[in-house]
Amino acid sequence: MAFTFTVSKQTVFGDERVTHGVLTADGTAGSVATGLDNIVSVAHAPKSMTSGVKYAINKLESGTAAAGTLAVTGCTSGDVFYITLFGS
């Protein structure tokens, strides 16, 4: 298994692409490809969350740079988040 990111909508806000979706965790750390070339910022809201989380934009959970990737750490398997990403 792997973390999953299900895109529910894509749009444009000014000069940035925006992707809305639902991220589901299957462990305590993981990353997802977002479809963006470069992430500028992330906004989130918990749907079902048991602990606090940390996000790293344009990185894998190991800290390695990976353009367009969102890493999530400190979560619990089964946590679900609403995610909005801004980028290009």
PDB file of N, CA and C in Angstrom:
ATOM      1  N   MET A   1       0.846  -1.189   0.000  1.00  0.00           N
ATOM      2  CA  MET A   1       0.000   0.000   0.000  1.00  0.00           C
ATOM      3  C   MET A   1       0.884   1.243   0.000  1.00  0.00           C
ATOM      4  N   ALA A   2       0.249   2.349  -0.316  1.00  0.00           N
ATOM      5  CA  ALA A   2       0.932   3.633  -0.323  1.00  0.00           C
ATOM      6  C   ALA A   2      -0.075   4.713   0.031  1.00  0.00           C
ATOM      7  N   PHE A   3       0.420   5.862   0.420  1.00  0.00           N
ATOM      8  CA  PHE A   3      -0.474   6.991   0.627  1.00  0.00           C
ATOM      9  C   PHE A   3      -1.195   7.256  -0.695  1.00  0.00           C
ATOM     10  N   THR A   4      -2.445   7.681  -0.619  1.00  0.00           N
ATOM     11  CA  THR A   4      -3.188   7.983  -1.837  1.00  0.00           C
ATOM     12  C   THR A   4      -3.668   9.427  -1.813  1.00  0.00           C
ATOM     13  N   PHE A   5      -3.683  10.040  -2.990  1.00  0.00           N
ATOM     14  CA  PHE A   5      -4.191  11.394  -3.158  1.00  0.00           C
ATOM     15  C   PHE A   5      -5.198  11.353  -4.291  1.00  0.00           C
ATOM     16  N   THR A   6      -6.459  11.551  -3.957  1.00  0.00           N
ATOM     17  CA  THR A   6      -7.531  11.520  -4.944  1.00  0.00           C
ATOM     18  C   THR A   6      -7.937  12.953  -5.270  1.00  0.00           C
ATOM     19  N   VAL A   7      -7.684  13.371  -6.489  1.00  0.00           N
ATOM     20  CA  VAL A   7      -7.990  14.732  -6.921  1.00  0.00           C
ATOM     21  C   VAL A   7      -9.492  14.866  -7.145  1.00  0.00           C
ATOM     22  N   SER A   8     -10.091  15.880  -6.515  1.00  0.00           N
ATOM     23  CA  SER A   8     -11.525  16.122  -6.708  1.00  0.00           C
ATOM     24  C   SER A   8     -11.797  17.305  -7.628  1.00  0.00           C
ATOM     25  N   LYS A   9     -10.834  18.233  -7.732  1.00  0.00           N
ATOM     26  CA  LYS A   9     -11.018  19.394  -8.606  1.00  0.00           C
ATOM     27  C   LYS A   9      -9.673  20.048  -8.886  1.00  0.00           C
ATOM     28  N   GLN A  10      -9.534  20.559 -10.102  1.00  0.00           N
ATOM     29  CA  GLN A  10      -8.376  21.361 -10.469  1.00  0.00           C
ATOM     30  C   GLN A  10      -8.880  22.651 -11.082  1.00  0.00           C
ATOM     31  N   THR A  11      -8.200  23.754 -10.762  1.00  0.00           N
ATOM     32  CA  THR A  11      -8.608  25.046 -11.286  1.00  0.00           C
ATOM     33  C   THR A  11      -7.379  25.947 -11.362  1.00  0.00           C
ATOM     34  N   VAL A  12      -7.601  27.193 -11.727  1.00  0.00           N
ATOM     35  CA  VAL A  12      -6.531  28.187 -11.781  1.00  0.00           C
ATOM     36  C   VAL A  12      -6.939  29.363 -10.913  1.00  0.00           C
ATOM     37  N   PHE A  13      -6.009  29.847 -10.096  1.00  0.00           N
ATOM     38  CA  PHE A  13      -6.236  30.982  -9.213  1.00  0.00           C
ATOM     39  C   PHE A  13      -5.147  31.996  -9.520  1.00  0.00           C
ATOM     40  N   GLY A  14      -5.501  33.037 -10.271  1.00  0.00           N
ATOM     41  CA  GLY A  14      -4.487  34.000 -10.707  1.00  0.00           C
ATOM     42  C   GLY A  14      -3.512  33.320 -11.641  1.00  0.00           C
ATOM     43  N   ASP A  15      -2.232  33.327 -11.279  1.00  0.00           N
ATOM     44  CA  ASP A  15      -1.217  32.689 -12.119  1.00  0.00           C
ATOM     45  C   ASP A  15      -0.783  31.335 -11.575  1.00  0.00           C
ATOM     46  N   GLU A  16      -1.551  30.771 -10.634  1.00  0.00           N
ATOM     47  CA  GLU A  16      -1.195  29.481 -10.050  1.00  0.00           C
ATOM     48  C   GLU A  16      -2.244  28.417 -10.363  1.00  0.00           C
ATOM     49  N   ARG A  17      -1.779  27.203 -10.542  1.00  0.00           N
ATOM     50  CA  ARG A  17      -2.681  26.061 -10.646  1.00  0.00           C
ATOM     51  C   ARG A  17      -3.061  25.632  -9.230  1.00  0.00           C
ATOM     52  N   VAL A  18      -4.294  25.193  -9.064  1.00  0.00           N
ATOM     53  CA  VAL A  18      -4.788  24.766  -7.754  1.00  0.00           C
ATOM     54  C   VAL A  18      -5.366  23.365  -7.899  1.00  0.00           C
ATOM     55  N   THR A  19      -4.999  22.491  -6.984  1.00  0.00           N
ATOM     56  CA  THR A  19      -5.509  21.129  -6.965  1.00  0.00           C
ATOM     57  C   THR A  19      -6.133  20.857  -5.609  1.00  0.00           C
ATOM     58  N   HIS A  20      -7.387  20.415  -5.621  1.00  0.00           N
ATOM     59  CA  HIS A  20      -8.090  20.037  -4.393  1.00  0.00           C
ATOM     60  C   HIS A  20      -8.234  18.521  -4.390  1.00  0.00           C
ATOM     61  N   GLY A  21      -8.094  17.919  -3.216  1.00  0.00           N
ATOM     62  CA  GLY A  21      -8.269  16.477  -3.156  1.00  0.00           C
ATOM     63  C   GLY A  21      -8.295  15.947  -1.746  1.00  0.00           C
ATOM     64  N   VAL A  22      -8.324  14.625  -1.647  1.00  0.00           N
ATOM     65  CA  VAL A  22      -8.363  13.933  -0.366  1.00  0.00           C
ATOM     66  C   VAL A  22      -7.136  13.034  -0.279  1.00  0.00           C
ATOM     67  N   LEU A  23      -6.375  13.180   0.799  1.00  0.00           N
ATOM     68  CA  LEU A  23      -5.184  12.379   1.033  1.00  0.00           C
ATOM     69  C   LEU A  23      -5.500  11.368   2.124  1.00  0.00           C
ATOM     70  N   THR A  24      -5.181  10.106   1.867  1.00  0.00           N
ATOM     71  CA  THR A  24      -5.398   9.040   2.844  1.00  0.00           C
ATOM     72  C   THR A  24      -4.060   8.416   3.201  1.00  0.00           C
ATOM     73  N   ALA A  25      -3.776   8.355   4.499  1.00  0.00           N
ATOM     74  CA  ALA A  25      -2.516   7.801   4.983  1.00  0.00           C
ATOM     75  C   ALA A  25      -2.662   6.307   5.267  1.00  0.00           C
ATOM     76  N   ASP A  26      -1.616   5.551   4.967  1.00  0.00           N
ATOM     77  CA  ASP A  26      -1.622   4.128   5.307  1.00  0.00           C
ATOM     78  C   ASP A  26      -0.457   3.776   6.224  1.00  0.00           C
ATOM     79  N   GLY A  27       0.125   4.783   6.842  1.00  0.00           N
ATOM     80  CA  GLY A  27       1.239   4.585   7.760  1.00  0.00           C
ATOM     81  C   GLY A  27       1.527   5.888   8.475  1.00  0.00           C
ATOM     82  N   THR A  28       2.690   5.976   9.109  1.00  0.00           N
ATOM     83  CA  THR A  28       3.029   7.175   9.866  1.00  0.00           C
ATOM     84  C   THR A  28       3.743   8.226   9.035  1.00  0.00           C
ATOM     85  N   ALA A  29       4.209   7.851   7.845  1.00  0.00           N
ATOM     86  CA  ALA A  29       4.884   8.799   6.959  1.00  0.00           C
ATOM     87  C   ALA A  29       4.783   8.303   5.530  1.00  0.00           C
ATOM     88  N   GLY A  30       4.660   9.242   4.609  1.00  0.00           N
ATOM     89  CA  GLY A  30       4.584   8.881   3.199  1.00  0.00           C
ATOM     90  C   GLY A  30       4.531  10.113   2.339  1.00  0.00           C
ATOM     91  N   SER A  31       4.474   9.903   1.041  1.00  0.00           N
ATOM     92  CA  SER A  31       4.407  11.033   0.117  1.00  0.00           C
ATOM     93  C   SER A  31       3.528  10.662  -1.071  1.00  0.00           C
ATOM     94  N   VAL A  32       3.035  11.699  -1.731  1.00  0.00           N
ATOM     95  CA  VAL A  32       2.186  11.503  -2.906  1.00  0.00           C
ATOM     96  C   VAL A  32       2.610  12.464  -4.010  1.00  0.00           C
ATOM     97  N   ALA A  33       2.518  11.982  -5.243  1.00  0.00           N
ATOM     98  CA  ALA A  33       2.697  12.844  -6.409  1.00  0.00           C
ATOM     99  C   ALA A  33       1.393  13.616  -6.581  1.00  0.00           C
ATOM    100  N   THR A  34       1.480  14.916  -6.778  1.00  0.00           N
ATOM    101  CA  THR A  34       0.289  15.764  -6.783  1.00  0.00           C
ATOM    102  C   THR A  34      -0.197  16.147  -8.179  1.00  0.00           C
ATOM    103  N   GLY A  35       0.616  15.938  -9.183  1.00  0.00           N
ATOM    104  CA  GLY A  35       0.267  16.377 -10.520  1.00  0.00           C
ATOM    105  C   GLY A  35       0.743  17.783 -10.833  1.00  0.00           C
ATOM    106  N   LEU A  36       1.236  18.484  -9.839  1.00  0.00           N
ATOM    107  CA  LEU A  36       1.812  19.815 -10.050  1.00  0.00           C
ATOM    108  C   LEU A  36       3.303  19.673 -10.333  1.00  0.00           C
ATOM    109  N   ASP A  37       3.863  20.607 -11.087  1.00  0.00           N
ATOM    110  CA  ASP A  37       5.296  20.597 -11.347  1.00  0.00           C
ATOM    111  C   ASP A  37       6.081  21.114 -10.148  1.00  0.00           C
ATOM    112  N   ASN A  38       5.483  22.059  -9.426  1.00  0.00           N
ATOM    113  CA  ASN A  38       6.132  22.676  -8.273  1.00  0.00           C
ATOM    114  C   ASN A  38       5.046  23.148  -7.313  1.00  0.00           C
ATOM    115  N   ILE A  39       5.124  22.765  -6.068  1.00  0.00           N
ATOM    116  CA  ILE A  39       4.147  23.194  -5.063  1.00  0.00           C
ATOM    117  C   ILE A  39       4.660  24.461  -4.391  1.00  0.00           C
ATOM    118  N   VAL A  40       3.783  25.456  -4.277  1.00  0.00           N
ATOM    119  CA  VAL A  40       4.133  26.712  -3.616  1.00  0.00           C
ATOM    120  C   VAL A  40       3.622  26.706  -2.171  1.00  0.00           C
ATOM    121  N   SER A  41       2.396  26.210  -1.964  1.00  0.00           N
ATOM    122  CA  SER A  41       1.854  26.141  -0.607  1.00  0.00           C
ATOM    123  C   SER A  41       0.779  25.070  -0.521  1.00  0.00           C
ATOM    124  N   VAL A  42       0.462  24.702   0.717  1.00  0.00           N
ATOM    125  CA  VAL A  42      -0.552  23.679   0.979  1.00  0.00           C
ATOM    126  C   VAL A  42      -1.481  24.169   2.087  1.00  0.00           C
ATOM    127  N   ALA A  43      -2.756  23.891   1.927  1.00  0.00           N
ATOM    128  CA  ALA A  43      -3.747  24.149   2.975  1.00  0.00           C
ATOM    129  C   ALA A  43      -4.437  22.824   3.247  1.00  0.00           C
ATOM    130  N   HIS A  44      -4.740  22.549   4.509  1.00  0.00           N
ATOM    131  CA  HIS A  44      -5.368  21.269   4.813  1.00  0.00           C
ATOM    132  C   HIS A  44      -6.455  21.424   5.864  1.00  0.00           C
ATOM    133  N   ALA A  45      -7.337  20.468   5.886  1.00  0.00           N
ATOM    134  CA  ALA A  45      -8.359  20.360   6.927  1.00  0.00           C
ATOM    135  C   ALA A  45      -8.534  18.873   7.205  1.00  0.00           C
ATOM    136  N   PRO A  46      -8.570  18.486   8.467  1.00  0.00           N
ATOM    137  CA  PRO A  46      -8.728  17.068   8.769  1.00  0.00           C
ATOM    138  C   PRO A  46     -10.147  16.583   8.487  1.00  0.00           C
ATOM    139  N   LYS A  47     -10.239  15.403   7.920  1.00  0.00           N
ATOM    140  CA  LYS A  47     -11.528  14.741   7.764  1.00  0.00           C
ATOM    141  C   LYS A  47     -11.674  13.710   8.880  1.00  0.00           C
ATOM    142  N   SER A  48     -10.614  12.960   9.107  1.00  0.00           N
ATOM    143  CA  SER A  48     -10.554  11.962  10.159  1.00  0.00           C
ATOM    144  C   SER A  48      -9.095  11.862  10.569  1.00  0.00           C
ATOM    145  N   MET A  49      -8.747  12.449  11.702  1.00  0.00           N
ATOM    146  CA  MET A  49      -7.351  12.536  12.070  1.00  0.00           C
ATOM    147  C   MET A  49      -7.189  12.269  13.561  1.00  0.00           C
ATOM    148  N   THR A  50      -6.206  11.437  13.914  1.00  0.00           N
ATOM    149  CA  THR A  50      -5.986  11.105  15.320  1.00  0.00           C
ATOM    150  C   THR A  50      -4.764  11.786  15.917  1.00  0.00           C
ATOM    151  N   SER A  51      -3.936  12.420  15.084  1.00  0.00           N
ATOM    152  CA  SER A  51      -2.728  13.062  15.596  1.00  0.00           C
ATOM    153  C   SER A  51      -2.373  14.258  14.725  1.00  0.00           C
ATOM    154  N   GLY A  52      -1.400  15.020  15.186  1.00  0.00           N
ATOM    155  CA  GLY A  52      -0.916  16.146  14.395  1.00  0.00           C
ATOM    156  C   GLY A  52      -0.021  15.660  13.270  1.00  0.00           C
ATOM    157  N   VAL A  53       0.083  16.432  12.217  1.00  0.00           N
ATOM    158  CA  VAL A  53       0.909  16.044  11.072  1.00  0.00           C
ATOM    159  C   VAL A  53       1.819  17.192  10.664  1.00  0.00           C
ATOM    160  N   LYS A  54       2.836  16.853   9.912  1.00  0.00           N
ATOM    161  CA  LYS A  54       3.725  17.835   9.311  1.00  0.00           C
ATOM    162  C   LYS A  54       3.754  17.575   7.816  1.00  0.00           C
ATOM    163  N   TYR A  55       3.829  18.651   7.040  1.00  0.00           N
ATOM    164  CA  TYR A  55       3.900  18.556   5.589  1.00  0.00           C
ATOM    165  C   TYR A  55       5.237  19.108   5.119  1.00  0.00           C
ATOM    166  N   ALA A  56       5.758  18.520   4.061  1.00  0.00           N
ATOM    167  CA  ALA A  56       6.950  19.040   3.392  1.00  0.00           C
ATOM    168  C   ALA A  56       6.621  19.104   1.907  1.00  0.00           C
ATOM    169  N   ILE A  57       6.697  20.308   1.342  1.00  0.00           N
ATOM    170  CA  ILE A  57       6.364  20.468  -0.074  1.00  0.00           C
ATOM    171  C   ILE A  57       7.611  20.250  -0.927  1.00  0.00           C
ATOM    172  N   ASN A  58       7.393  19.626  -2.082  1.00  0.00           N
ATOM    173  CA  ASN A  58       8.465  19.334  -3.033  1.00  0.00           C
ATOM    174  C   ASN A  58       9.552  18.449  -2.438  1.00  0.00           C
ATOM    175  N   LYS A  59       9.137  17.538  -1.533  1.00  0.00           N
ATOM    176  CA  LYS A  59      10.073  16.610  -0.905  1.00  0.00           C
ATOM    177  C   LYS A  59       9.397  15.273  -0.669  1.00  0.00           C
ATOM    178  N   LEU A  60      10.229  14.238  -0.539  1.00  0.00           N
ATOM    179  CA  LEU A  60       9.766  12.936  -0.092  1.00  0.00           C
ATOM    180  C   LEU A  60       9.816  12.923   1.428  1.00  0.00           C
ATOM    181  N   GLU A  61       9.206  11.919   2.054  1.00  0.00           N
ATOM    182  CA  GLU A  61       9.211  11.855   3.519  1.00  0.00           C
ATOM    183  C   GLU A  61      10.618  11.714   4.085  1.00  0.00           C
ATOM    184  N   SER A  62      11.572  11.250   3.273  1.00  0.00           N
ATOM    185  CA  SER A  62      12.964  11.129   3.708  1.00  0.00           C
ATOM    186  C   SER A  62      13.688  12.473   3.694  1.00  0.00           C
ATOM    187  N   GLY A  63      13.067  13.495   3.089  1.00  0.00           N
ATOM    188  CA  GLY A  63      13.694  14.808   2.987  1.00  0.00           C
ATOM    189  C   GLY A  63      14.339  15.064   1.636  1.00  0.00           C
ATOM    190  N   THR A  64      14.386  14.063   0.786  1.00  0.00           N
ATOM    191  CA  THR A  64      14.956  14.211  -0.551  1.00  0.00           C
ATOM    192  C   THR A  64      14.050  15.086  -1.408  1.00  0.00           C
ATOM    193  N   ALA A  65      14.644  16.001  -2.147  1.00  0.00           N
ATOM    194  CA  ALA A  65      13.868  16.890  -3.020  1.00  0.00           C
ATOM    195  C   ALA A  65      13.156  16.093  -4.112  1.00  0.00           C
ATOM    196  N   ALA A  66      11.888  16.428  -4.338  1.00  0.00           N
ATOM    197  CA  ALA A  66      11.092  15.785  -5.384  1.00  0.00           C
ATOM    198  C   ALA A  66      10.002  16.764  -5.801  1.00  0.00           C
ATOM    199  N   ALA A  67      10.247  17.499  -6.875  1.00  0.00           N
ATOM    200  CA  ALA A  67       9.320  18.539  -7.326  1.00  0.00           C
ATOM    201  C   ALA A  67       7.913  17.984  -7.517  1.00  0.00           C
ATOM    202  N   GLY A  68       6.915  18.717  -7.000  1.00  0.00           N
ATOM    203  CA  GLY A  68       5.525  18.331  -7.163  1.00  0.00           C
ATOM    204  C   GLY A  68       5.043  17.252  -6.215  1.00  0.00           C
ATOM    205  N   THR A  69       5.871  16.897  -5.242  1.00  0.00           N
ATOM    206  CA  THR A  69       5.520  15.845  -4.293  1.00  0.00           C
ATOM    207  C   THR A  69       5.226  16.452  -2.929  1.00  0.00           C
ATOM    208  N   LEU A  70       4.213  15.908  -2.261  1.00  0.00           N
ATOM    209  CA  LEU A  70       3.855  16.335  -0.911  1.00  0.00           C
ATOM    210  C   LEU A  70       4.160  15.209   0.053  1.00  0.00           C
ATOM    211  N   ALA A  71       5.007  15.477   1.038  1.00  0.00           N
ATOM    212  CA  ALA A  71       5.338  14.494   2.067  1.00  0.00           C
ATOM    213  C   ALA A  71       4.544  14.797   3.333  1.00  0.00           C
ATOM    214  N   VAL A  72       4.105  13.737   3.998  1.00  0.00           N
ATOM    215  CA  VAL A  72       3.342  13.859   5.240  1.00  0.00           C
ATOM    216  C   VAL A  72       4.004  12.975   6.286  1.00  0.00           C
ATOM    217  N   THR A  73       4.276  13.542   7.461  1.00  0.00           N
ATOM    218  CA  THR A  73       4.849  12.759   8.556  1.00  0.00           C
ATOM    219  C   THR A  73       4.059  13.016   9.830  1.00  0.00           C
ATOM    220  N   GLY A  74       4.169  12.108  10.783  1.00  0.00           N
ATOM    221  CA  GLY A  74       3.519  12.258  12.080  1.00  0.00           C
ATOM    222  C   GLY A  74       2.053  11.877  12.083  1.00  0.00           C
ATOM    223  N   CYS A  75       1.602  11.207  11.051  1.00  0.00           N
ATOM    224  CA  CYS A  75       0.190  10.828  10.977  1.00  0.00           C
ATOM    225  C   CYS A  75       0.009   9.385  11.446  1.00  0.00           C
ATOM    226  N   THR A  76      -1.228   8.936  11.445  1.00  0.00           N
ATOM    227  CA  THR A  76      -1.582   7.581  11.824  1.00  0.00           C
ATOM    228  C   THR A  76      -2.232   6.907  10.624  1.00  0.00           C
ATOM    229  N   SER A  77      -1.964   5.642  10.446  1.00  0.00           N
ATOM    230  CA  SER A  77      -2.589   4.905   9.352  1.00  0.00           C
ATOM    231  C   SER A  77      -4.105   5.043   9.431  1.00  0.00           C
ATOM    232  N   GLY A  78      -4.715   5.423   8.325  1.00  0.00           N
ATOM    233  CA  GLY A  78      -6.161   5.630   8.274  1.00  0.00           C
ATOM    234  C   GLY A  78      -6.579   7.080   8.372  1.00  0.00           C
ATOM    235  N   ASP A  79      -5.646   7.977   8.710  1.00  0.00           N
ATOM    236  CA  ASP A  79      -5.967   9.405   8.744  1.00  0.00           C
ATOM    237  C   ASP A  79      -6.347   9.869   7.331  1.00  0.00           C
ATOM    238  N   VAL A  80      -7.315  10.782   7.268  1.00  0.00           N
ATOM    239  CA  VAL A  80      -7.766  11.314   5.987  1.00  0.00           C
ATOM    240  C   VAL A  80      -7.803  12.836   6.091  1.00  0.00           C
ATOM    241  N   PHE A  81      -7.264  13.527   5.073  1.00  0.00           N
ATOM    242  CA  PHE A  81      -7.176  14.981   5.065  1.00  0.00           C
ATOM    243  C   PHE A  81      -7.737  15.549   3.767  1.00  0.00           C
ATOM    244  N   TYR A  82      -8.387  16.701   3.867  1.00  0.00           N
ATOM    245  CA  TYR A  82      -8.714  17.485   2.677  1.00  0.00           C
ATOM    246  C   TYR A  82      -7.498  18.354   2.401  1.00  0.00           C
ATOM    247  N   ILE A  83      -6.993  18.322   1.180  1.00  0.00           N
ATOM    248  CA  ILE A  83      -5.781  19.051   0.826  1.00  0.00           C
ATOM    249  C   ILE A  83      -6.069  19.989  -0.347  1.00  0.00           C
ATOM    250  N   THR A  84      -5.559  21.231  -0.241  1.00  0.00           N
ATOM    251  CA  THR A  84      -5.579  22.167  -1.358  1.00  0.00           C
ATOM    252  C   THR A  84      -4.138  22.593  -1.602  1.00  0.00           C
ATOM    253  N   LEU A  85      -3.678  22.403  -2.830  1.00  0.00           N
ATOM    254  CA  LEU A  85      -2.301  22.711  -3.200  1.00  0.00           C
ATOM    255  C   LEU A  85      -2.284  23.834  -4.227  1.00  0.00           C
ATOM    256  N   PHE A  86      -1.360  24.757  -4.045  1.00  0.00           N
ATOM    257  CA  PHE A  86      -1.155  25.855  -4.988  1.00  0.00           C
ATOM    258  C   PHE A  86       0.232  25.694  -5.592  1.00  0.00           C
ATOM    259  N   GLY A  87       0.350  25.885  -6.882  1.00  0.00           N
ATOM    260  CA  GLY A  87       1.653  25.750  -7.519  1.00  0.00           C
ATOM    261  C   GLY A  87       1.601  25.999  -9.000  1.00  0.00           C
ATOM    262  N   SER A  88       2.525  25.356  -9.690  1.00  0.00           N
ATOM    263  CA  SER A  88       2.605  25.516 -11.140  1.00  0.00           C
ATOM    264  C   SER A  88       2.717  24.154 -11.796  1.00  0.00           C
TER     265      SER A  88
END
